[in-house]
Amino acid sequence: MRRVRQIDRHPPSLPTRQRRGRDAAARRQFQDGLHRRFRALKLWFVMRHFGYRKVCGIIRQHIGWAKELAAEIAAHPKLEVAAPVLMSLVCFRHRDGDGATRRVMERVNESGVAFLSGNVLDGRQVARIAIGNIRTTREDVWTTWEAVRRAAEEA
């Protein structure tokens, strides 16, 4: 019975057998909480389908592309990299300020080439490019860069 108490879950949203007058434990008490999704399930399916080595290779490839993209952004006269590229997320901003950064995001998003998300980093607006879809190609990354470059020139 001690082990039952260790894994027992009693969320107030679900009635237990004890609350209904029985002493037997309900089966749901022997599993992870029902109120939270199994977040790793998607990753588990991807790993089962592609294999560990393939997934690791794709992640390494995405990180490499992100670093190449960050180098292009850093070399552009109107753009700057806003944070170190540690994984496959590139944060950048327009040198002319928050308004110009927002205009770059709006133009790229309206073009339909890619979707840039925004955030505030150290009190300044940044645009974010996340390379993470398993079907993303190098061509997709460079098409996105061309859209960002054109938008930065117009902003």
Protein backbone atom coordinates (compact mmCIF):
# COMPACT_ATOMS: atom_id res chain seq x y z
CA MET A 1 0.00 0.00 0.00
CA ARG A 2 2.97 2.29 0.58
CA ARG A 3 3.84 2.20 -3.16
CA VAL A 4 0.25 3.04 -4.00
CA ARG A 5 0.52 6.23 -1.95
CA GLN A 6 3.77 7.19 -3.74
CA ILE A 7 2.22 7.17 -7.22
CA ASP A 8 -1.35 7.98 -6.27
CA ARG A 9 -2.92 10.97 -7.98
CA HIS A 10 -5.95 12.74 -6.57
CA PRO A 11 -6.76 15.71 -8.78
CA PRO A 12 -9.88 17.42 -7.49
CA SER A 13 -11.38 17.32 -11.00
CA LEU A 14 -11.66 13.52 -11.01
CA PRO A 15 -13.68 11.64 -8.40
CA THR A 16 -11.91 8.70 -6.75
CA ARG A 17 -13.42 5.43 -5.63
CA GLN A 18 -12.66 6.44 -2.05
CA ARG A 19 -14.85 9.50 -2.50
CA ARG A 20 -17.59 7.24 -3.83
CA GLY A 21 -17.42 5.00 -0.77
CA ARG A 22 -15.11 2.19 -1.96
CA ASP A 23 -11.61 1.40 -0.70
CA ALA A 24 -10.22 -0.13 -3.91
CA ALA A 25 -7.82 2.07 -5.88
CA ALA A 26 -8.89 3.21 -9.31
CA ARG A 27 -6.63 2.19 -12.20
CA ARG A 28 -6.01 5.79 -13.16
CA GLN A 29 -4.08 6.18 -9.91
CA PHE A 30 -1.27 4.04 -11.32
CA GLN A 31 -0.34 6.26 -14.27
CA ASP A 32 0.95 9.74 -14.94
CA GLY A 33 -1.47 12.57 -14.37
CA LEU A 34 -4.43 12.73 -16.71
CA HIS A 35 -4.52 16.50 -16.67
CA ARG A 36 -1.16 16.89 -18.48
CA ARG A 37 -0.29 15.86 -22.01
CA PHE A 38 2.47 13.39 -22.69
CA ARG A 39 4.84 15.99 -24.13
CA ALA A 40 7.54 13.55 -25.17
CA LEU A 41 5.16 11.41 -27.22
CA LYS A 42 5.77 13.35 -30.45
CA LEU A 43 9.53 13.07 -30.01
CA TRP A 44 9.21 9.37 -29.23
CA PHE A 45 7.32 8.79 -32.50
CA VAL A 46 9.89 10.77 -34.50
CA MET A 47 12.76 8.82 -32.90
CA ARG A 48 11.02 5.51 -33.62
CA HIS A 49 10.35 6.48 -37.24
CA PHE A 50 13.71 8.03 -38.20
CA GLY A 51 16.07 6.61 -35.60
CA TYR A 52 18.35 8.30 -33.11
CA ARG A 53 21.26 8.90 -35.53
CA LYS A 54 19.06 10.45 -38.22
CA VAL A 55 17.36 12.82 -35.75
CA CYS A 56 20.73 13.85 -34.27
CA GLY A 57 22.05 14.47 -37.78
CA ILE A 58 19.08 16.66 -38.65
CA ILE A 59 19.48 18.68 -35.45
CA ARG A 60 23.20 19.17 -36.13
CA GLN A 61 22.39 20.26 -39.68
CA HIS A 62 19.84 22.81 -38.42
CA ILE A 63 22.32 24.21 -35.91
CA GLY A 64 24.92 24.53 -38.67
CA TRP A 65 22.47 26.35 -40.94
CA ALA A 66 21.52 28.68 -38.07
CA LYS A 67 25.18 29.56 -37.51
CA GLU A 68 25.68 30.22 -41.23
CA LEU A 69 22.57 32.40 -41.25
CA ALA A 70 23.81 34.31 -38.19
CA ALA A 71 27.11 34.97 -39.99
CA GLU A 72 25.23 36.42 -42.98
CA ILE A 73 23.11 38.60 -40.69
CA ALA A 74 26.20 39.82 -38.81
CA ALA A 75 27.85 40.77 -42.11
CA HIS A 76 24.82 42.79 -43.26
CA PRO A 77 25.22 46.56 -42.67
CA LYS A 78 21.63 47.09 -41.47
CA LEU A 79 21.20 43.98 -39.29
CA GLU A 80 22.84 42.62 -36.17
CA VAL A 81 22.68 39.31 -34.32
CA ALA A 82 21.01 39.95 -30.95
CA ALA A 83 21.98 36.75 -29.10
CA PRO A 84 24.51 33.95 -29.47
CA VAL A 85 23.31 31.09 -31.67
CA LEU A 86 23.48 28.06 -29.39
CA MET A 87 20.90 25.85 -31.08
CA SER A 88 18.87 26.50 -34.22
CA LEU A 89 17.32 29.81 -33.14
CA VAL A 90 18.65 33.04 -34.64
CA CYS A 91 17.66 36.30 -32.91
CA PHE A 92 18.45 39.48 -34.80
CA ARG A 93 17.38 43.11 -35.04
CA HIS A 94 17.58 46.02 -37.42
CA ARG A 95 20.21 48.59 -36.50
CA ASP A 96 17.69 51.43 -37.00
CA GLY A 97 15.65 50.36 -33.96
CA ASP A 98 12.51 48.56 -32.89
CA GLY A 99 10.23 50.03 -35.54
CA ALA A 100 12.52 48.89 -38.34
CA THR A 101 12.76 45.42 -36.80
CA ARG A 102 8.96 45.18 -36.67
CA ARG A 103 8.72 46.29 -40.31
CA VAL A 104 11.18 43.58 -41.34
CA MET A 105 9.08 40.97 -39.53
CA GLU A 106 5.84 42.27 -41.04
CA ARG A 107 7.23 42.29 -44.59
CA VAL A 108 8.65 38.78 -44.35
CA ASN A 109 5.48 37.42 -42.74
CA GLU A 110 3.25 39.12 -45.32
CA SER A 111 5.36 37.69 -48.16
CA GLY A 112 4.49 34.16 -47.05
CA VAL A 113 8.07 32.97 -47.52
CA ALA A 114 8.54 32.32 -43.81
CA PHE A 115 7.09 33.27 -40.45
CA LEU A 116 9.29 35.29 -38.13
CA SER A 117 8.30 35.57 -34.51
CA GLY A 118 9.28 38.49 -32.35
CA ASN A 119 10.37 39.01 -28.80
CA VAL A 120 11.91 41.65 -26.55
CA LEU A 121 15.51 41.01 -25.54
CA ASP A 122 17.35 43.42 -23.25
CA GLY A 123 14.54 45.94 -23.75
CA ARG A 124 14.80 45.90 -27.55
CA GLN A 125 12.62 44.27 -30.19
CA VAL A 126 14.18 41.24 -31.92
CA ALA A 127 13.04 39.01 -34.75
CA ARG A 128 13.52 35.27 -34.44
CA ILE A 129 14.12 32.62 -37.08
CA ALA A 130 13.75 29.08 -35.74
CA ILE A 131 15.00 26.25 -37.93
CA GLY A 132 13.34 23.15 -36.59
CA ASN A 133 11.03 21.40 -39.02
CA ILE A 134 12.29 18.01 -40.10
CA ARG A 135 11.47 18.87 -43.72
CA THR A 136 13.35 22.19 -43.75
CA THR A 137 16.00 22.32 -46.46
CA ARG A 138 19.05 24.50 -46.93
CA GLU A 139 17.20 26.18 -49.79
CA ASP A 140 14.37 27.12 -47.39
CA VAL A 141 16.85 28.79 -45.05
CA TRP A 142 18.47 30.81 -47.85
CA THR A 143 15.09 31.77 -49.31
CA THR A 144 14.18 33.09 -45.87
CA TRP A 145 17.48 34.97 -45.68
CA GLU A 146 16.82 36.62 -49.05
CA ALA A 147 13.37 37.72 -47.84
CA VAL A 148 14.89 39.14 -44.62
CA ARG A 149 17.67 40.88 -46.56
CA ARG A 150 15.18 42.53 -48.96
CA ALA A 151 12.91 43.57 -46.08
CA ALA A 152 15.88 45.05 -44.18
CA GLU A 153 16.84 47.15 -47.20
CA GLU A 154 13.27 48.49 -47.47
CA ALA A 155 12.73 49.11 -43.75
